[in-house]
C-alpha atoms as a PDB file:
ATOM      1  CA  MET A   1      35.448 109.708 -13.246  1.00  0.00           C
ATOM      2  CA  ALA A   2      32.859 107.035 -13.747  1.00  0.00           C
ATOM      3  CA  GLU A   3      33.921 103.962 -15.485  1.00  0.00           C
ATOM      4  CA  SER A   4      32.076 103.382 -18.733  1.00  0.00           C
ATOM      5  CA  ARG A   5      31.068  99.914 -19.757  1.00  0.00           C
ATOM      6  CA  THR A   6      31.239  99.244 -23.430  1.00  0.00           C
ATOM      7  CA  THR A   7      31.333  96.206 -25.584  1.00  0.00           C
ATOM      8  CA  LYS A   8      33.565  95.563 -28.528  1.00  0.00           C
ATOM      9  CA  ASN A   9      31.171  97.591 -30.699  1.00  0.00           C
ATOM     10  CA  GLY A  10      31.403 100.502 -28.328  1.00  0.00           C
ATOM     11  CA  VAL A  11      27.780 100.216 -27.135  1.00  0.00           C
ATOM     12  CA  ASP A  12      26.738 100.203 -23.506  1.00  0.00           C
ATOM     13  CA  PRO A  13      25.124  96.778 -22.715  1.00  0.00           C
ATOM     14  CA  ILE A  14      22.267  98.359 -20.709  1.00  0.00           C
ATOM     15  CA  GLU A  15      21.492 100.801 -23.480  1.00  0.00           C
ATOM     16  CA  SER A  16      21.571  97.965 -25.988  1.00  0.00           C
ATOM     17  CA  ALA A  17      19.252  95.831 -23.829  1.00  0.00           C
ATOM     18  CA  LEU A  18      16.792  98.721 -23.430  1.00  0.00           C
ATOM     19  CA  GLU A  19      16.811  99.390 -27.141  1.00  0.00           C
ATOM     20  CA  ASN A  20      16.286  95.704 -27.957  1.00  0.00           C
ATOM     21  CA  GLY A  21      13.534  95.478 -25.344  1.00  0.00           C
ATOM     22  CA  SER A  22      11.783  98.562 -26.721  1.00  0.00           C
ATOM     23  CA  GLU A  23      11.984  97.170 -30.227  1.00  0.00           C
ATOM     24  CA  ALA A  24      10.593  93.807 -29.103  1.00  0.00           C
ATOM     25  CA  VAL A  25       7.699  95.521 -27.290  1.00  0.00           C
ATOM     26  CA  ARG A  26       6.977  97.700 -30.333  1.00  0.00           C
ATOM     27  CA  ASP A  27       7.003  94.661 -32.637  1.00  0.00           C
ATOM     28  CA  GLY A  28       4.776  92.751 -30.229  1.00  0.00           C
ATOM     29  CA  LEU A  29       2.289  95.604 -30.025  1.00  0.00           C
ATOM     30  CA  GLU A  30       2.201  95.950 -33.811  1.00  0.00           C
ATOM     31  CA  LYS A  31       1.586  92.218 -34.221  1.00  0.00           C
ATOM     32  CA  ALA A  32      -1.109  92.315 -31.526  1.00  0.00           C
ATOM     33  CA  ALA A  33      -2.787  95.279 -33.232  1.00  0.00           C
ATOM     34  CA  GLN A  34      -2.717  93.472 -36.575  1.00  0.00           C
ATOM     35  CA  ALA A  35      -4.130  90.313 -35.000  1.00  0.00           C
ATOM     36  CA  TYR A  36      -6.876  92.343 -33.312  1.00  0.00           C
ATOM     37  CA  GLU A  37      -7.783  94.053 -36.589  1.00  0.00           C
ATOM     38  CA  GLN A  38      -7.838  90.717 -38.373  1.00  0.00           C
ATOM     39  CA  ALA A  39      -9.988  89.132 -35.651  1.00  0.00           C
ATOM     40  CA  PHE A  40     -12.360  92.108 -35.678  1.00  0.00           C
ATOM     41  CA  ALA A  41     -12.688  91.961 -39.475  1.00  0.00           C
ATOM     42  CA  PHE A  42     -13.235  88.204 -39.338  1.00  0.00           C
ATOM     43  CA  SER A  43     -15.934  88.598 -36.663  1.00  0.00           C
ATOM     44  CA  LYS A  44     -17.627  91.305 -38.680  1.00  0.00           C
ATOM     45  CA  GLU A  45     -17.679  89.056 -41.745  1.00  0.00           C
ATOM     46  CA  ASN A  46     -19.106  86.239 -39.596  1.00  0.00           C
ATOM     47  CA  ALA A  47     -21.894  88.501 -38.345  1.00  0.00           C
ATOM     48  CA  GLU A  48     -22.677  89.573 -41.911  1.00  0.00           C
ATOM     49  CA  ALA A  49     -22.812  85.923 -42.992  1.00  0.00           C
ATOM     50  CA  VAL A  50     -25.213  85.061 -40.161  1.00  0.00           C
ATOM     51  CA  LEU A  51     -27.435  88.006 -41.100  1.00  0.00           C
ATOM     52  CA  LYS A  52     -27.414  87.007 -44.770  1.00  0.00           C
ATOM     53  CA  SER A  53     -28.203  83.416 -43.836  1.00  0.00           C
ATOM     54  CA  ALA A  54     -31.099  84.505 -41.619  1.00  0.00           C
ATOM     55  CA  ASN A  55     -32.493  86.716 -44.395  1.00  0.00           C
ATOM     56  CA  LEU A  56     -32.312  83.861 -46.900  1.00  0.00           C
ATOM     57  CA  ALA A  57     -33.977  81.493 -44.428  1.00  0.00           C
ATOM     58  CA  GLY A  58     -36.717  84.064 -43.796  1.00  0.00           C
ATOM     59  CA  LYS A  59     -37.384  84.457 -47.510  1.00  0.00           C
ATOM     60  CA  GLY A  60     -37.527  80.689 -47.914  1.00  0.00           C
ATOM     61  CA  ILE A  61     -39.957  80.297 -45.036  1.00  0.00           C
ATOM     62  CA  GLU A  62     -42.064  83.083 -46.531  1.00  0.00           C
ATOM     63  CA  ALA A  63     -42.152  81.206 -49.856  1.00  0.00           C
ATOM     64  CA  ILE A  64     -43.165  77.985 -48.092  1.00  0.00           C
ATOM     65  CA  ASN A  65     -45.922  79.817 -46.185  1.00  0.00           C
ATOM     66  CA  SER A  66     -47.214  81.382 -49.408  1.00  0.00           C
ATOM     67  CA  GLU A  67     -47.274  77.993 -51.099  1.00  0.00           C
ATOM     68  CA  ALA A  68     -49.086  76.411 -48.132  1.00  0.00           C
ATOM     69  CA  PHE A  69     -51.648  79.216 -48.068  1.00  0.00           C
ATOM     70  CA  ALA A  70     -52.299  78.919 -51.810  1.00  0.00           C
ATOM     71  CA  TYR A  71     -52.673  75.133 -51.507  1.00  0.00           C
ATOM     72  CA  SER A  72     -55.072  75.488 -48.567  1.00  0.00           C
ATOM     73  CA  ARG A  73     -57.212  77.979 -50.459  1.00  0.00           C
ATOM     74  CA  GLN A  74     -57.307  75.766 -53.538  1.00  0.00           C
ATOM     75  CA  SER A  75     -58.058  72.673 -51.430  1.00  0.00           C
ATOM     76  CA  VAL A  76     -61.008  74.357 -49.729  1.00  0.00           C
ATOM     77  CA  GLN A  77     -62.400  75.520 -53.085  1.00  0.00           C
ATOM     78  CA  GLU A  78     -62.096  72.030 -54.559  1.00  0.00           C
ATOM     79  CA  SER A  79     -63.660  70.532 -51.440  1.00  0.00           C
ATOM     80  CA  VAL A  80     -66.653  72.882 -51.647  1.00  0.00           C
ATOM     81  CA  ALA A  81     -67.096  72.122 -55.345  1.00  0.00           C
ATOM     82  CA  ALA A  82     -66.892  68.374 -54.710  1.00  0.00           C
ATOM     83  CA  THR A  83     -69.393  68.622 -51.841  1.00  0.00           C
ATOM     84  CA  LYS A  84     -71.853  70.535 -54.061  1.00  0.00           C
ATOM     85  CA  ALA A  85     -71.444  67.925 -56.781  1.00  0.00           C
ATOM     86  CA  MET A  86     -72.019  65.084 -54.299  1.00  0.00           C
ATOM     87  CA  LEU A  87     -75.102  66.793 -52.886  1.00  0.00           C
ATOM     88  CA  GLY A  88     -76.477  67.078 -56.417  1.00  0.00           C
ATOM     89  CA  SER A  89     -75.909  63.431 -57.275  1.00  0.00           C
ATOM     90  CA  LYS A  90     -78.927  61.535 -58.565  1.00  0.00           C
ATOM     91  CA  SER A  91     -77.972  58.128 -57.234  1.00  0.00           C
ATOM     92  CA  VAL A  92     -75.879  56.463 -54.552  1.00  0.00           C
ATOM     93  CA  GLN A  93     -73.649  55.021 -57.285  1.00  0.00           C
ATOM     94  CA  GLU A  94     -72.972  58.521 -58.658  1.00  0.00           C
ATOM     95  CA  LEU A  95     -72.283  59.785 -55.116  1.00  0.00           C
ATOM     96  CA  PHE A  96     -69.664  57.086 -54.505  1.00  0.00           C
ATOM     97  CA  GLU A  97     -68.044  57.767 -57.882  1.00  0.00           C
ATOM     98  CA  LEU A  98     -67.864  61.503 -57.204  1.00  0.00           C
ATOM     99  CA  GLN A  99     -66.484  60.896 -53.727  1.00  0.00           C
ATOM    100  CA  SER A 100     -63.904  58.417 -55.017  1.00  0.00           C
ATOM    101  CA  ASP A 101     -62.787  60.810 -57.770  1.00  0.00           C
ATOM    102  CA  TYR A 102     -62.497  63.644 -55.275  1.00  0.00           C
ATOM    103  CA  VAL A 103     -60.448  61.584 -52.798  1.00  0.00           C
ATOM    104  CA  LYS A 104     -58.071  60.474 -55.570  1.00  0.00           C
ATOM    105  CA  SER A 105     -57.583  64.002 -56.892  1.00  0.00           C
ATOM    106  CA  ALA A 106     -57.203  65.453 -53.379  1.00  0.00           C
ATOM    107  CA  PHE A 107     -54.567  62.852 -52.515  1.00  0.00           C
ATOM    108  CA  GLN A 108     -52.658  63.507 -55.749  1.00  0.00           C
ATOM    109  CA  ALA A 109     -52.790  67.260 -55.114  1.00  0.00           C
ATOM    110  CA  TYR A 110     -51.539  66.693 -51.566  1.00  0.00           C
ATOM    111  CA  LEU A 111     -48.585  64.606 -52.771  1.00  0.00           C
ATOM    112  CA  GLY A 112     -47.738  67.240 -55.371  1.00  0.00           C
ATOM    113  CA  GLU A 113     -47.876  69.958 -52.752  1.00  0.00           C
ATOM    114  CA  MET A 114     -45.655  68.026 -50.360  1.00  0.00           C
ATOM    115  CA  ASN A 115     -43.080  67.633 -53.156  1.00  0.00           C
ATOM    116  CA  LYS A 116     -43.181  71.394 -53.800  1.00  0.00           C
ATOM    117  CA  VAL A 117     -42.739  72.162 -50.096  1.00  0.00           C
ATOM    118  CA  ARG A 118     -39.916  69.641 -49.820  1.00  0.00           C
ATOM    119  CA  GLU A 119     -38.101  71.261 -52.755  1.00  0.00           C
ATOM    120  CA  LEU A 120     -38.631  74.726 -51.292  1.00  0.00           C
ATOM    121  CA  ALA A 121     -37.333  73.570 -47.907  1.00  0.00           C
ATOM    122  CA  LEU A 122     -34.237  71.954 -49.435  1.00  0.00           C
ATOM    123  CA  THR A 123     -33.502  75.032 -51.529  1.00  0.00           C
ATOM    124  CA  THR A 124     -33.986  77.271 -48.501  1.00  0.00           C
ATOM    125  CA  ALA A 125     -31.673  75.159 -46.349  1.00  0.00           C
ATOM    126  CA  LYS A 126     -29.010  75.083 -49.070  1.00  0.00           C
ATOM    127  CA  ASP A 127     -29.211  78.827 -49.695  1.00  0.00           C
ATOM    128  CA  ALA A 128     -29.200  79.698 -45.996  1.00  0.00           C
ATOM    129  CA  ALA A 129     -26.243  77.427 -45.283  1.00  0.00           C
ATOM    130  CA  GLU A 130     -24.117  78.826 -48.102  1.00  0.00           C
ATOM    131  CA  PRO A 131     -22.888  82.014 -46.336  1.00  0.00           C
ATOM    132  CA  LEU A 132     -22.146  80.062 -43.155  1.00  0.00           C
ATOM    133  CA  GLN A 133     -20.282  77.396 -45.092  1.00  0.00           C
ATOM    134  CA  ALA A 134     -18.178  80.103 -46.743  1.00  0.00           C
ATOM    135  CA  ARG A 135     -17.228  81.505 -43.318  1.00  0.00           C
ATOM    136  CA  PHE A 136     -16.362  78.036 -42.037  1.00  0.00           C
ATOM    137  CA  THR A 137     -14.128  77.527 -45.064  1.00  0.00           C
ATOM    138  CA  ALA A 138     -12.503  80.915 -44.446  1.00  0.00           C
ATOM    139  CA  PHE A 139     -11.886  79.931 -40.821  1.00  0.00           C
ATOM    140  CA  THR A 140     -10.293  76.608 -41.721  1.00  0.00           C
ATOM    141  CA  ASP A 141      -8.112  78.372 -44.302  1.00  0.00           C
ATOM    142  CA  LEU A 142      -7.068  80.903 -41.678  1.00  0.00           C
ATOM    143  CA  VAL A 143      -6.223  78.222 -39.126  1.00  0.00           C
ATOM    144  CA  GLN A 144      -4.239  76.208 -41.653  1.00  0.00           C
ATOM    145  CA  THR A 145      -2.168  79.192 -42.810  1.00  0.00           C
ATOM    146  CA  ARG A 146      -1.479  80.556 -39.304  1.00  0.00           C
ATOM    147  CA  PRO A 147       1.959  79.828 -37.909  1.00  0.00           C
ATOM    148  CA  VAL A 148       2.003  77.743 -34.767  1.00  0.00           C
END
């Protein structure tokens, strides 16, 4: 008759080791599956944030382009009107006055336009960075709460 090995609890040590090993493997696989799901979800959220950021940046650039086009159109119209007025001047003095007035107004319009574009660019950058900043914050929170 074969000799049976048992411990004080009446359990075969090999059977106990196999059971503990199986349980450890099962727990490890479950933890790995959870980590994979979490990483996949996190990556998906990152991709969505990048897409949202790109869309916001695109809309901002579109707004800047529209503003630049409108300014260019207005500038050309004002330039044509000023040129007609200068060509119709009755004296050299009147010509210089018209030219001086036009240069002043064109420069003021240019400065105003640059301020508008600057504000649009800052707003676009802020809006486009917001989704990415949120993902960075989520990542730092995840890293800080993860056990070592």
